[in-house]
Amino acid sequence: MPSSATAGGTAPGTRGRAAAAPAWIAALPALIVIGLFSAYPVVVMVANSLGLGQPPADGGPTLEHYVRAFGSAAVRDALVNSLYIALGSVLITLCVAVPVVLRQADDDRAGRGGALTDALLTLPIALPGIIIGFFAIVLTGRTGLLGLAWDGFAGLAYTFPGLLIAYLYFSLPRVLGPLRGAAATLDPSLAESARTLGASRPRVFCTVTLPLLLPAAIETSGTAIAVALGGYGTVATLSEGVRLLPLNVANELTTGYRLAASSTLAVILAVTAVLALVLGRVLARVVRRAVSS
């Protein structure tokens, strides 16, 4: 005789699965927010750049704004400077962050993680870019603390190396956080086995630890580069001679309200950032497969 659980012809587990809501319903609020604040503005921005927007960005389908942008030496220089600053600051940040996250992972396993150290390392992510620029001026401006100690530091904040240092501070928590999570998943027994077999610490790091951490480092770098490319507050505070593309986007919009030109530069900047993000993820997958094979 069938049990009461199956008397209706459907097992409880089956009924539960049948009644389960599609996964996209749970994501619907987030999808709505993304649609309103991301997808629609992007469509409008692209339309403006192609001359299909509302006045004064109309005029019919045209690539004139893109031709003008890429034909401008100022725009090309700003784009190249943005790439140099984003790539350079993130690469330097990686060199600083890798030893830190490996030590943090060891401390977490031993139960001796430091809350104060964690707070200080993640502090920059809570600060607006303009505040980071202000910090750079206080330290290496023309009358900054380090500038008073040595003339070589005076005015450094307004130069290319000064911007690089400021963006390094900006990028540090954006690299440390994801890398720390990846470092926590590393199996310490692998490094211990290599040491037992006679490998030195540098060799263990280069042949065991770094290859395992490399996919996460690449993916994190792509994300950090994308974020740094769009950073505005820091360069707006420090820029005197060095121009980055976000400044050009804002200037076109605020000076004469050149909506089509501003939208064009914004599309170029957005595409560059997305390419950095996608490239980081693709390379990370390729390296992850190579390491695991």
Protein backbone atom coordinates (compact mmCIF):
# COMPACT_ATOMS: atom_id res chain seq x y z
CA MET A 1 0.00 0.00 0.00
CA PRO A 2 1.49 3.42 -0.89
CA SER A 3 2.62 5.55 1.99
CA SER A 4 0.92 8.80 2.85
CA ALA A 5 3.95 10.71 1.56
CA THR A 6 3.42 9.31 -1.93
CA ALA A 7 -0.34 8.80 -1.90
CA GLY A 8 -0.87 11.86 -4.02
CA GLY A 9 1.44 10.48 -6.68
CA THR A 10 4.28 12.96 -6.09
CA ALA A 11 7.15 12.55 -3.66
CA PRO A 12 7.81 15.47 -1.29
CA GLY A 13 11.23 16.11 -2.82
CA THR A 14 9.70 16.17 -6.29
CA ARG A 15 6.97 18.59 -5.20
CA GLY A 16 9.65 20.83 -3.66
CA ARG A 17 11.68 20.87 -6.84
CA ALA A 18 8.59 21.51 -8.95
CA ALA A 19 7.50 24.39 -6.73
CA ALA A 20 10.95 25.96 -6.61
CA ALA A 21 11.03 29.39 -8.22
CA PRO A 22 13.39 29.97 -11.16
CA ALA A 23 16.79 31.27 -10.11
CA TRP A 24 16.39 34.52 -12.05
CA ILE A 25 13.48 35.58 -9.84
CA ALA A 26 15.82 35.86 -6.85
CA ALA A 27 18.13 38.05 -8.95
CA LEU A 28 15.27 40.19 -10.29
CA PRO A 29 15.74 43.17 -7.89
CA ALA A 30 19.44 43.33 -8.73
CA LEU A 31 18.69 43.01 -12.45
CA ILE A 32 16.23 45.90 -12.23
CA VAL A 33 18.79 48.10 -10.50
CA ILE A 34 21.44 47.19 -13.07
CA GLY A 35 19.01 47.86 -15.89
CA LEU A 36 18.01 51.28 -14.58
CA PHE A 37 21.42 52.51 -13.50
CA SER A 38 23.67 50.74 -16.00
CA ALA A 39 22.06 49.35 -19.13
CA TYR A 40 19.81 52.29 -19.97
CA PRO A 41 22.43 55.00 -19.36
CA VAL A 42 24.92 53.03 -21.46
CA VAL A 43 22.42 52.88 -24.34
CA VAL A 44 21.86 56.64 -24.07
CA MET A 45 25.61 57.30 -23.91
CA VAL A 46 26.32 55.19 -27.00
CA ALA A 47 23.42 56.83 -28.85
CA ASN A 48 24.77 60.28 -28.02
CA SER A 49 28.23 59.32 -29.26
CA LEU A 50 26.73 58.19 -32.58
CA GLY A 51 24.70 61.37 -33.03
CA LEU A 52 21.41 59.66 -32.23
CA GLY A 53 20.65 61.30 -28.91
CA GLN A 54 18.56 64.27 -27.93
CA PRO A 55 19.78 67.80 -28.79
CA PRO A 56 22.55 68.89 -28.68
CA ALA A 57 23.83 65.34 -29.34
CA ASP A 58 21.61 64.63 -32.34
CA GLY A 59 22.41 65.05 -36.02
CA GLY A 60 21.93 61.57 -37.40
CA PRO A 61 24.08 58.44 -37.47
CA THR A 62 27.73 59.40 -37.57
CA LEU A 63 31.16 58.22 -36.48
CA GLU A 64 32.50 61.76 -36.64
CA HIS A 65 32.83 62.05 -32.88
CA TYR A 66 34.97 58.90 -32.70
CA VAL A 67 37.11 60.01 -35.63
CA ARG A 68 37.63 63.35 -33.94
CA ALA A 69 38.44 61.73 -30.59
CA PHE A 70 41.04 59.29 -31.93
CA GLY A 71 42.44 62.00 -34.17
CA SER A 72 43.08 64.26 -31.19
CA ALA A 73 46.61 64.06 -29.76
CA ALA A 74 45.27 65.26 -26.40
CA VAL A 75 42.76 62.40 -26.20
CA ARG A 76 45.32 59.81 -27.28
CA ASP A 77 47.81 61.08 -24.71
CA ALA A 78 45.15 61.03 -21.99
CA LEU A 79 44.19 57.45 -22.87
CA VAL A 80 47.83 56.28 -22.90
CA ASN A 81 48.48 58.06 -19.59
CA SER A 82 45.42 56.39 -18.07
CA LEU A 83 46.66 52.97 -19.19
CA TYR A 84 50.17 53.64 -17.87
CA ILE A 85 48.87 54.81 -14.49
CA ALA A 86 46.36 51.96 -14.12
CA LEU A 87 48.75 49.20 -15.27
CA GLY A 88 51.77 50.57 -13.43
CA SER A 89 50.01 51.18 -10.12
CA VAL A 90 48.35 47.74 -10.12
CA LEU A 91 51.58 45.90 -11.02
CA ILE A 92 53.44 47.68 -8.21
CA THR A 93 50.52 46.97 -5.89
CA LEU A 94 50.77 43.26 -6.72
CA CYS A 95 54.44 43.21 -5.73
CA VAL A 96 53.49 44.76 -2.40
CA ALA A 97 50.33 42.71 -1.85
CA VAL A 98 51.51 39.14 -2.54
CA PRO A 99 53.86 38.85 0.48
CA VAL A 100 51.24 40.55 2.66
CA VAL A 101 48.39 38.18 1.77
CA LEU A 102 50.60 35.11 2.15
CA ARG A 103 51.56 36.24 5.64
CA GLN A 104 47.94 37.07 6.45
CA ALA A 105 46.88 33.59 5.31
CA ASP A 106 49.48 32.01 7.62
CA ASP A 107 48.33 34.22 10.50
CA ASP A 108 44.67 33.37 9.88
CA ARG A 109 45.44 29.63 9.94
CA ALA A 110 47.29 30.10 13.23
CA GLY A 111 44.48 32.21 14.66
CA ARG A 112 46.60 35.31 15.15
CA GLY A 113 45.15 37.70 12.56
CA GLY A 114 45.43 41.37 13.46
CA ALA A 115 42.22 43.42 13.27
CA LEU A 116 44.09 46.73 13.41
CA THR A 117 46.40 45.76 10.55
CA ASP A 118 43.43 44.61 8.46
CA ALA A 119 41.64 47.91 9.10
CA LEU A 120 44.65 49.99 8.07
CA LEU A 121 45.24 47.95 4.91
CA THR A 122 41.63 48.28 3.79
CA LEU A 123 41.22 51.94 4.81
CA PRO A 124 41.81 53.42 1.31
CA ILE A 125 38.73 51.67 -0.10
CA ALA A 126 36.56 53.75 2.23
CA LEU A 127 38.11 57.04 1.09
CA PRO A 128 36.93 59.07 -1.91
CA GLY A 129 39.54 59.64 -4.59
CA ILE A 130 39.64 63.35 -3.81
CA ILE A 131 40.71 62.58 -0.22
CA ILE A 132 43.52 60.35 -1.49
CA GLY A 133 44.63 63.21 -3.72
CA PHE A 134 44.57 65.52 -0.71
CA PHE A 135 46.75 63.06 1.22
CA ALA A 136 49.25 63.11 -1.65
CA ILE A 137 49.37 66.91 -1.56
CA VAL A 138 49.88 66.95 2.22
CA LEU A 139 52.83 64.56 1.85
CA THR A 140 54.46 65.46 -1.47
CA GLY A 141 52.90 68.76 -2.50
CA ARG A 142 55.00 71.89 -2.91
CA THR A 143 54.77 72.54 0.82
CA GLY A 144 54.09 68.95 1.84
CA LEU A 145 55.72 67.16 4.75
CA LEU A 146 58.21 65.19 2.65
CA GLY A 147 58.82 68.21 0.42
CA LEU A 148 59.92 70.23 3.44
CA ALA A 149 62.31 67.43 4.43
CA TRP A 150 63.86 67.17 0.94
CA ASP A 151 63.34 69.42 -2.06
CA GLY A 152 63.21 66.41 -4.39
CA PHE A 153 59.78 65.52 -2.99
CA ALA A 154 58.37 69.05 -3.34
CA GLY A 155 55.68 69.05 -6.02
CA LEU A 156 56.01 65.30 -6.68
CA ALA A 157 52.25 64.88 -6.18
CA TYR A 158 51.56 66.73 -9.42
CA THR A 159 53.88 64.65 -11.60
CA PHE A 160 53.46 61.26 -13.28
CA PRO A 161 55.34 59.40 -10.48
CA GLY A 162 53.22 61.23 -7.92
CA LEU A 163 50.01 60.12 -9.62
CA LEU A 164 51.39 56.58 -9.78
CA ILE A 165 51.99 56.57 -6.03
CA ALA A 166 48.53 57.97 -5.31
CA TYR A 167 46.88 55.33 -7.49
CA LEU A 168 48.98 52.64 -5.80
CA TYR A 169 47.40 53.68 -2.50
CA PHE A 170 44.00 53.74 -4.25
CA SER A 171 44.48 50.22 -5.68
CA LEU A 172 45.99 48.52 -2.63
CA PRO A 173 42.79 47.36 -0.86
CA ARG A 174 41.20 46.43 -4.19
CA VAL A 175 44.03 43.95 -4.73
CA LEU A 176 44.57 42.83 -1.14
CA GLY A 177 40.98 41.74 -0.51
CA PRO A 178 40.51 39.25 -3.37
CA LEU A 179 44.10 38.01 -3.16
CA ARG A 180 43.78 37.33 0.55
CA GLY A 181 40.80 35.09 -0.14
CA ALA A 182 42.79 33.21 -2.81
CA ALA A 183 45.81 32.85 -0.52
CA ALA A 184 43.59 31.37 2.19
CA THR A 185 42.65 28.50 -0.15
CA LEU A 186 46.26 27.46 -0.82
CA ASP A 187 47.26 24.14 0.69
CA PRO A 188 50.23 24.83 2.99
CA SER A 189 51.24 21.17 2.86
CA LEU A 190 52.43 21.63 -0.73
CA ALA A 191 54.99 24.23 0.25
CA GLU A 192 55.97 22.19 3.33
CA SER A 193 56.55 19.12 1.17
CA ALA A 194 58.78 21.10 -1.19
CA ARG A 195 60.78 22.45 1.76
CA THR A 196 61.13 18.91 3.14
CA LEU A 197 62.62 17.83 -0.19
CA GLY A 198 65.30 20.50 0.16
CA ALA A 199 63.88 23.41 -1.84
CA SER A 200 64.79 26.87 -0.60
CA ARG A 201 62.13 29.41 0.34
CA PRO A 202 62.60 31.46 -2.87
CA ARG A 203 62.36 28.31 -4.97
CA VAL A 204 59.22 27.15 -3.16
CA PHE A 205 57.67 30.57 -3.73
CA CYS A 206 58.55 30.63 -7.45
CA THR A 207 57.69 27.02 -8.27
CA VAL A 208 54.82 26.20 -5.89
CA THR A 209 53.15 29.21 -4.27
CA LEU A 210 53.27 31.75 -7.08
CA PRO A 211 51.89 29.47 -9.82
CA LEU A 212 48.94 28.55 -7.58
CA LEU A 213 48.27 32.20 -6.72
CA LEU A 214 48.87 33.52 -10.24
CA PRO A 215 45.35 32.99 -11.68
CA ALA A 216 43.78 34.94 -8.82
CA ALA A 217 46.45 37.64 -9.15
CA ILE A 218 45.71 38.05 -12.87
CA GLU A 219 41.95 38.21 -12.41
CA THR A 220 42.28 40.63 -9.51
CA SER A 221 44.62 42.79 -11.57
CA GLY A 222 42.10 43.03 -14.39
CA THR A 223 39.41 44.22 -12.00
CA ALA A 224 41.74 46.69 -10.25
CA ILE A 225 42.94 48.10 -13.58
CA ALA A 226 39.33 48.60 -14.71
CA VAL A 227 38.54 50.46 -11.48
CA ALA A 228 41.71 52.59 -11.70
CA LEU A 229 40.94 53.57 -15.30
CA GLY A 230 37.68 55.14 -14.20
CA GLY A 231 39.03 56.83 -11.08
CA TYR A 232 38.34 60.57 -11.25
CA GLY A 233 38.69 62.19 -7.84
CA THR A 234 42.41 61.58 -7.36
CA VAL A 235 43.51 62.84 -10.76
CA ALA A 236 41.09 65.77 -10.56
CA THR A 237 42.83 66.83 -7.35
CA LEU A 238 46.40 66.32 -8.54
CA SER A 239 46.40 66.92 -12.28
CA GLU A 240 48.31 69.96 -13.45
CA GLY A 241 50.30 68.68 -16.40
CA VAL A 242 49.39 64.99 -16.59
CA ARG A 243 45.99 64.40 -18.14
CA LEU A 244 43.96 61.20 -17.73
CA LEU A 245 40.91 60.35 -19.80
CA PRO A 246 38.29 60.77 -17.02
CA LEU A 247 39.26 64.44 -16.87
CA ASN A 248 38.60 64.85 -20.59
CA VAL A 249 35.18 63.23 -20.18
CA ALA A 250 34.23 65.65 -17.41
CA ASN A 251 35.67 68.69 -19.18
CA GLU A 252 33.73 68.05 -22.38
CA LEU A 253 30.52 67.83 -20.36
CA THR A 254 31.09 70.80 -18.06
CA THR A 255 32.77 73.12 -20.57
CA GLY A 256 30.20 74.08 -23.19
CA TYR A 257 28.05 71.00 -22.49
CA ARG A 258 29.45 69.04 -25.45
CA LEU A 259 27.30 66.01 -24.74
CA ALA A 260 28.18 64.01 -27.85
CA ALA A 261 31.94 64.51 -27.40
CA SER A 262 31.74 63.68 -23.69
CA SER A 263 29.68 60.55 -24.40
CA THR A 264 32.19 59.45 -27.01
CA LEU A 265 35.10 59.71 -24.60
CA ALA A 266 33.04 57.98 -21.91
CA VAL A 267 32.33 55.07 -24.28
CA ILE A 268 36.05 54.77 -25.10
CA LEU A 269 36.91 54.78 -21.41
CA ALA A 270 34.19 52.27 -20.56
CA VAL A 271 35.20 49.89 -23.36
CA THR A 272 38.84 50.07 -22.26
CA ALA A 273 37.86 49.26 -18.67
CA VAL A 274 35.62 46.37 -19.74
CA LEU A 275 38.39 44.98 -21.94
CA ALA A 276 40.77 45.05 -18.97
CA LEU A 277 38.19 43.22 -16.84
CA VAL A 278 37.42 40.57 -19.47
CA LEU A 279 41.07 40.08 -20.42
CA GLY A 280 41.96 39.53 -16.78
CA ARG A 281 39.29 36.86 -16.38
CA VAL A 282 40.15 35.10 -19.64
CA LEU A 283 43.87 35.02 -18.89
CA ALA A 284 43.15 33.83 -15.36
CA ARG A 285 41.15 30.88 -16.72
CA VAL A 286 43.91 29.98 -19.18
CA VAL A 287 46.59 30.09 -16.49
CA ARG A 288 44.38 28.17 -14.04
CA ARG A 289 43.95 25.36 -16.55
CA ALA A 290 47.66 25.34 -17.32
CA VAL A 291 48.55 25.13 -13.63
CA SER A 292 46.02 22.38 -12.89
CA SER A 293 46.99 20.25 -15.90
